[in-house]
Amino acid sequence: MSDPMWQKSSFSGDDASRDCVEVAAAPDGGTLLRESDEPGTVLLATSASLGALLGALKAPST
């Protein structure tokens, strides 16, 4: 199995010392998530659960 191709947000800029959330495609079709300053801790999210999280984060607060 090959190592995931991690990507970080363009909002993080080019400074390698900036911590950020990174994402990668999982072999089973899900999405891997990690914090750049803790690369050994990886979360696996399904497309549906990640979509629900992003939708909730984008929703206007009441």
PDB file of N, CA and C in Angstrom:
ATOM      1  N   MET A   1       0.851  -1.175   0.000  1.00  0.00           N
ATOM      2  CA  MET A   1       0.000   0.000   0.000  1.00  0.00           C
ATOM      3  C   MET A   1       0.897   1.239   0.000  1.00  0.00           C
ATOM      4  N   SER A   2       0.589   2.209  -0.836  1.00  0.00           N
ATOM      5  CA  SER A   2       1.397   3.417  -0.923  1.00  0.00           C
ATOM      6  C   SER A   2       0.959   4.436   0.130  1.00  0.00           C
ATOM      7  N   ASP A   3       1.854   5.348   0.444  1.00  0.00           N
ATOM      8  CA  ASP A   3       1.554   6.400   1.412  1.00  0.00           C
ATOM      9  C   ASP A   3       0.531   7.371   0.826  1.00  0.00           C
ATOM     10  N   PRO A   4      -0.358   7.900   1.664  1.00  0.00           N
ATOM     11  CA  PRO A   4      -1.343   8.870   1.173  1.00  0.00           C
ATOM     12  C   PRO A   4      -0.665  10.130   0.654  1.00  0.00           C
ATOM     13  N   MET A   5      -1.287  10.773  -0.304  1.00  0.00           N
ATOM     14  CA  MET A   5      -0.813  12.045  -0.852  1.00  0.00           C
ATOM     15  C   MET A   5      -1.527  13.150  -0.078  1.00  0.00           C
ATOM     16  N   TRP A   6      -0.912  13.673   0.975  1.00  0.00           N
ATOM     17  CA  TRP A   6      -1.523  14.667   1.843  1.00  0.00           C
ATOM     18  C   TRP A   6      -1.549  16.030   1.171  1.00  0.00           C
ATOM     19  N   GLN A   7      -2.653  16.746   1.356  1.00  0.00           N
ATOM     20  CA  GLN A   7      -2.809  18.098   0.816  1.00  0.00           C
ATOM     21  C   GLN A   7      -3.259  19.013   1.946  1.00  0.00           C
ATOM     22  N   LYS A   8      -2.759  20.245   1.930  1.00  0.00           N
ATOM     23  CA  LYS A   8      -3.196  21.210   2.924  1.00  0.00           C
ATOM     24  C   LYS A   8      -3.917  22.354   2.228  1.00  0.00           C
ATOM     25  N   SER A   9      -4.660  23.094   2.982  1.00  0.00           N
ATOM     26  CA  SER A   9      -5.418  24.206   2.459  1.00  0.00           C
ATOM     27  C   SER A   9      -4.502  25.293   1.920  1.00  0.00           C
ATOM     28  N   SER A  10      -4.917  25.926   0.848  1.00  0.00           N
ATOM     29  CA  SER A  10      -4.160  27.058   0.315  1.00  0.00           C
ATOM     30  C   SER A  10      -4.180  28.229   1.290  1.00  0.00           C
ATOM     31  N   PHE A  11      -5.117  28.250   2.222  1.00  0.00           N
ATOM     32  CA  PHE A  11      -5.178  29.298   3.237  1.00  0.00           C
ATOM     33  C   PHE A  11      -3.996  29.207   4.208  1.00  0.00           C
ATOM     34  N   SER A  12      -3.320  28.069   4.234  1.00  0.00           N
ATOM     35  CA  SER A  12      -2.186  27.891   5.135  1.00  0.00           C
ATOM     36  C   SER A  12      -0.936  28.598   4.627  1.00  0.00           C
ATOM     37  N   GLY A  13      -0.941  28.966   3.358  1.00  0.00           N
ATOM     38  CA  GLY A  13       0.222  29.631   2.782  1.00  0.00           C
ATOM     39  C   GLY A  13       1.350  28.658   2.499  1.00  0.00           C
ATOM     40  N   ASP A  14       2.501  29.200   2.135  1.00  0.00           N
ATOM     41  CA  ASP A  14       3.648  28.369   1.775  1.00  0.00           C
ATOM     42  C   ASP A  14       4.615  28.139   2.930  1.00  0.00           C
ATOM     43  N   ASP A  15       4.345  28.741   4.059  1.00  0.00           N
ATOM     44  CA  ASP A  15       5.238  28.609   5.208  1.00  0.00           C
ATOM     45  C   ASP A  15       5.111  27.205   5.798  1.00  0.00           C
ATOM     46  N   ALA A  16       6.182  26.431   5.736  1.00  0.00           N
ATOM     47  CA  ALA A  16       6.151  25.042   6.211  1.00  0.00           C
ATOM     48  C   ALA A  16       5.956  24.949   7.719  1.00  0.00           C
ATOM     49  N   SER A  17       6.215  26.022   8.445  1.00  0.00           N
ATOM     50  CA  SER A  17       6.078  25.970   9.902  1.00  0.00           C
ATOM     51  C   SER A  17       4.640  26.194  10.366  1.00  0.00           C
ATOM     52  N   ARG A  18       3.733  26.526   9.469  1.00  0.00           N
ATOM     53  CA  ARG A  18       2.339  26.762   9.844  1.00  0.00           C
ATOM     54  C   ARG A  18       1.602  25.440   9.982  1.00  0.00           C
ATOM     55  N   ASP A  19       0.909  25.268  11.099  1.00  0.00           N
ATOM     56  CA  ASP A  19       0.130  24.056  11.329  1.00  0.00           C
ATOM     57  C   ASP A  19      -1.226  24.192  10.642  1.00  0.00           C
ATOM     58  N   CYS A  20      -1.725  23.086  10.132  1.00  0.00           N
ATOM     59  CA  CYS A  20      -3.002  23.118   9.448  1.00  0.00           C
ATOM     60  C   CYS A  20      -3.590  21.710   9.388  1.00  0.00           C
ATOM     61  N   VAL A  21      -4.824  21.622   8.978  1.00  0.00           N
ATOM     62  CA  VAL A  21      -5.471  20.333   8.737  1.00  0.00           C
ATOM     63  C   VAL A  21      -5.093  19.882   7.336  1.00  0.00           C
ATOM     64  N   GLU A  22      -4.739  18.618   7.201  1.00  0.00           N
ATOM     65  CA  GLU A  22      -4.389  18.047   5.913  1.00  0.00           C
ATOM     66  C   GLU A  22      -5.370  16.934   5.572  1.00  0.00           C
ATOM     67  N   VAL A  23      -5.629  16.742   4.300  1.00  0.00           N
ATOM     68  CA  VAL A  23      -6.544  15.697   3.837  1.00  0.00           C
ATOM     69  C   VAL A  23      -5.857  14.837   2.787  1.00  0.00           C
ATOM     70  N   ALA A  24      -6.323  13.591   2.684  1.00  0.00           N
ATOM     71  CA  ALA A  24      -5.836  12.662   1.667  1.00  0.00           C
ATOM     72  C   ALA A  24      -6.945  11.666   1.364  1.00  0.00           C
ATOM     73  N   ALA A  25      -6.914  11.119   0.170  1.00  0.00           N
ATOM     74  CA  ALA A  25      -7.877  10.079  -0.203  1.00  0.00           C
ATOM     75  C   ALA A  25      -7.487   8.772   0.475  1.00  0.00           C
ATOM     76  N   ALA A  26      -8.466   8.096   1.045  1.00  0.00           N
ATOM     77  CA  ALA A  26      -8.239   6.792   1.658  1.00  0.00           C
ATOM     78  C   ALA A  26      -8.397   5.706   0.599  1.00  0.00           C
ATOM     79  N   PRO A  27      -7.699   4.594   0.757  1.00  0.00           N
ATOM     80  CA  PRO A  27      -7.789   3.518  -0.237  1.00  0.00           C
ATOM     81  C   PRO A  27      -9.209   3.000  -0.462  1.00  0.00           C
ATOM     82  N   ASP A  28     -10.062   3.063   0.565  1.00  0.00           N
ATOM     83  CA  ASP A  28     -11.424   2.539   0.433  1.00  0.00           C
ATOM     84  C   ASP A  28     -12.428   3.564  -0.078  1.00  0.00           C
ATOM     85  N   GLY A  29     -11.951   4.755  -0.421  1.00  0.00           N
ATOM     86  CA  GLY A  29     -12.841   5.781  -0.946  1.00  0.00           C
ATOM     87  C   GLY A  29     -13.228   6.845   0.052  1.00  0.00           C
ATOM     88  N   GLY A  30     -12.853   6.686   1.302  1.00  0.00           N
ATOM     89  CA  GLY A  30     -13.134   7.702   2.303  1.00  0.00           C
ATOM     90  C   GLY A  30     -12.090   8.811   2.241  1.00  0.00           C
ATOM     91  N   THR A  31     -12.055   9.621   3.275  1.00  0.00           N
ATOM     92  CA  THR A  31     -11.111  10.724   3.362  1.00  0.00           C
ATOM     93  C   THR A  31     -10.327  10.620   4.663  1.00  0.00           C
ATOM     94  N   LEU A  32      -9.023  10.777   4.569  1.00  0.00           N
ATOM     95  CA  LEU A  32      -8.161  10.794   5.742  1.00  0.00           C
ATOM     96  C   LEU A  32      -7.935  12.240   6.155  1.00  0.00           C
ATOM     97  N   LEU A  33      -7.931  12.496   7.459  1.00  0.00           N
ATOM     98  CA  LEU A  33      -7.715  13.835   7.997  1.00  0.00           C
ATOM     99  C   LEU A  33      -6.635  13.761   9.065  1.00  0.00           C
ATOM    100  N   ARG A  34      -5.776  14.775   9.123  1.00  0.00           N
ATOM    101  CA  ARG A  34      -4.779  14.853  10.185  1.00  0.00           C
ATOM    102  C   ARG A  34      -4.389  16.305  10.413  1.00  0.00           C
ATOM    103  N   GLU A  35      -3.839  16.572  11.579  1.00  0.00           N
ATOM    104  CA  GLU A  35      -3.290  17.883  11.911  1.00  0.00           C
ATOM    105  C   GLU A  35      -1.798  17.821  11.581  1.00  0.00           C
ATOM    106  N   SER A  36      -1.292  18.816  10.889  1.00  0.00           N
ATOM    107  CA  SER A  36       0.094  18.740  10.422  1.00  0.00           C
ATOM    108  C   SER A  36       1.111  18.637  11.547  1.00  0.00           C
ATOM    109  N   ASP A  37       0.797  19.162  12.733  1.00  0.00           N
ATOM    110  CA  ASP A  37       1.755  19.054  13.838  1.00  0.00           C
ATOM    111  C   ASP A  37       1.624  17.734  14.607  1.00  0.00           C
ATOM    112  N   GLU A  38       0.656  16.887  14.236  1.00  0.00           N
ATOM    113  CA  GLU A  38       0.475  15.547  14.813  1.00  0.00           C
ATOM    114  C   GLU A  38       0.231  14.551  13.676  1.00  0.00           C
ATOM    115  N   PRO A  39       1.199  14.356  12.771  1.00  0.00           N
ATOM    116  CA  PRO A  39       0.961  13.539  11.576  1.00  0.00           C
ATOM    117  C   PRO A  39       0.696  12.060  11.847  1.00  0.00           C
ATOM    118  N   GLY A  40       1.006  11.584  13.051  1.00  0.00           N
ATOM    119  CA  GLY A  40       0.764  10.183  13.363  1.00  0.00           C
ATOM    120  C   GLY A  40      -0.673   9.883  13.749  1.00  0.00           C
ATOM    121  N   THR A  41      -1.450  10.917  14.039  1.00  0.00           N
ATOM    122  CA  THR A  41      -2.858  10.746  14.402  1.00  0.00           C
ATOM    123  C   THR A  41      -3.706  11.041  13.177  1.00  0.00           C
ATOM    124  N   VAL A  42      -4.353  10.007  12.653  1.00  0.00           N
ATOM    125  CA  VAL A  42      -5.115  10.135  11.409  1.00  0.00           C
ATOM    126  C   VAL A  42      -6.549   9.679  11.648  1.00  0.00           C
ATOM    127  N   LEU A  43      -7.494  10.468  11.177  1.00  0.00           N
ATOM    128  CA  LEU A  43      -8.911  10.116  11.242  1.00  0.00           C
ATOM    129  C   LEU A  43      -9.388   9.678   9.869  1.00  0.00           C
ATOM    130  N   LEU A  44     -10.282   8.706   9.833  1.00  0.00           N
ATOM    131  CA  LEU A  44     -10.903   8.260   8.592  1.00  0.00           C
ATOM    132  C   LEU A  44     -12.359   8.688   8.605  1.00  0.00           C
ATOM    133  N   ALA A  45     -12.779   9.417   7.590  1.00  0.00           N
ATOM    134  CA  ALA A  45     -14.163   9.877   7.479  1.00  0.00           C
ATOM    135  C   ALA A  45     -14.762   9.360   6.180  1.00  0.00           C
ATOM    136  N   THR A  46     -16.018   8.946   6.243  1.00  0.00           N
ATOM    137  CA  THR A  46     -16.717   8.589   5.011  1.00  0.00           C
ATOM    138  C   THR A  46     -17.074   9.881   4.285  1.00  0.00           C
ATOM    139  N   SER A  47     -17.372   9.774   3.020  1.00  0.00           N
ATOM    140  CA  SER A  47     -17.777  10.957   2.265  1.00  0.00           C
ATOM    141  C   SER A  47     -19.036  11.577   2.863  1.00  0.00           C
ATOM    142  N   ALA A  48     -19.965  10.746   3.307  1.00  0.00           N
ATOM    143  CA  ALA A  48     -21.217  11.252   3.880  1.00  0.00           C
ATOM    144  C   ALA A  48     -20.971  11.982   5.196  1.00  0.00           C
ATOM    145  N   SER A  49     -20.131  11.417   6.076  1.00  0.00           N
ATOM    146  CA  SER A  49     -19.893  12.065   7.365  1.00  0.00           C
ATOM    147  C   SER A  49     -19.092  13.350   7.207  1.00  0.00           C
ATOM    148  N   LEU A  50     -18.133  13.376   6.297  1.00  0.00           N
ATOM    149  CA  LEU A  50     -17.368  14.600   6.059  1.00  0.00           C
ATOM    150  C   LEU A  50     -18.260  15.675   5.446  1.00  0.00           C
ATOM    151  N   GLY A  51     -19.130  15.278   4.534  1.00  0.00           N
ATOM    152  CA  GLY A  51     -20.076  16.232   3.942  1.00  0.00           C
ATOM    153  C   GLY A  51     -21.013  16.821   4.985  1.00  0.00           C
ATOM    154  N   ALA A  52     -21.477  15.987   5.911  1.00  0.00           N
ATOM    155  CA  ALA A  52     -22.360  16.474   6.978  1.00  0.00           C
ATOM    156  C   ALA A  52     -21.616  17.446   7.889  1.00  0.00           C
ATOM    157  N   LEU A  53     -20.365  17.148   8.222  1.00  0.00           N
ATOM    158  CA  LEU A  53     -19.573  18.035   9.061  1.00  0.00           C
ATOM    159  C   LEU A  53     -19.363  19.381   8.379  1.00  0.00           C
ATOM    160  N   LEU A  54     -18.953  19.353   7.127  1.00  0.00           N
ATOM    161  CA  LEU A  54     -18.723  20.603   6.401  1.00  0.00           C
ATOM    162  C   LEU A  54     -20.007  21.413   6.258  1.00  0.00           C
ATOM    163  N   GLY A  55     -21.130  20.724   6.021  1.00  0.00           N
ATOM    164  CA  GLY A  55     -22.419  21.411   5.934  1.00  0.00           C
ATOM    165  C   GLY A  55     -22.783  22.088   7.221  1.00  0.00           C
ATOM    166  N   ALA A  56     -22.520  21.405   8.348  1.00  0.00           N
ATOM    167  CA  ALA A  56     -22.832  21.982   9.653  1.00  0.00           C
ATOM    168  C   ALA A  56     -21.931  23.183   9.949  1.00  0.00           C
ATOM    169  N   LEU A  57     -20.669  23.097   9.554  1.00  0.00           N
ATOM    170  CA  LEU A  57     -19.752  24.196   9.785  1.00  0.00           C
ATOM    171  C   LEU A  57     -20.098  25.427   8.949  1.00  0.00           C
ATOM    172  N   LYS A  58     -20.630  25.204   7.761  1.00  0.00           N
ATOM    173  CA  LYS A  58     -20.989  26.313   6.866  1.00  0.00           C
ATOM    174  C   LYS A  58     -22.334  26.928   7.196  1.00  0.00           C
ATOM    175  N   ALA A  59     -23.174  26.202   7.922  1.00  0.00           N
ATOM    176  CA  ALA A  59     -24.522  26.679   8.214  1.00  0.00           C
ATOM    177  C   ALA A  59     -24.472  27.934   9.094  1.00  0.00           C
ATOM    178  N   PRO A  60     -25.333  28.891   8.806  1.00  0.00           N
ATOM    179  CA  PRO A  60     -25.365  30.091   9.654  1.00  0.00           C
ATOM    180  C   PRO A  60     -25.774  29.729  11.065  1.00  0.00           C
ATOM    181  N   SER A  61     -25.128  30.350  12.036  1.00  0.00           N
ATOM    182  CA  SER A  61     -25.484  30.079  13.432  1.00  0.00           C
ATOM    183  C   SER A  61     -26.755  30.845  13.787  1.00  0.00           C
ATOM    184  N   THR A  62     -27.501  30.279  14.707  1.00  0.00           N
ATOM    185  CA  THR A  62     -28.761  30.909  15.098  1.00  0.00           C
ATOM    186  C   THR A  62     -28.653  31.546  16.463  1.00  0.00           C
TER     187      THR A  62
END
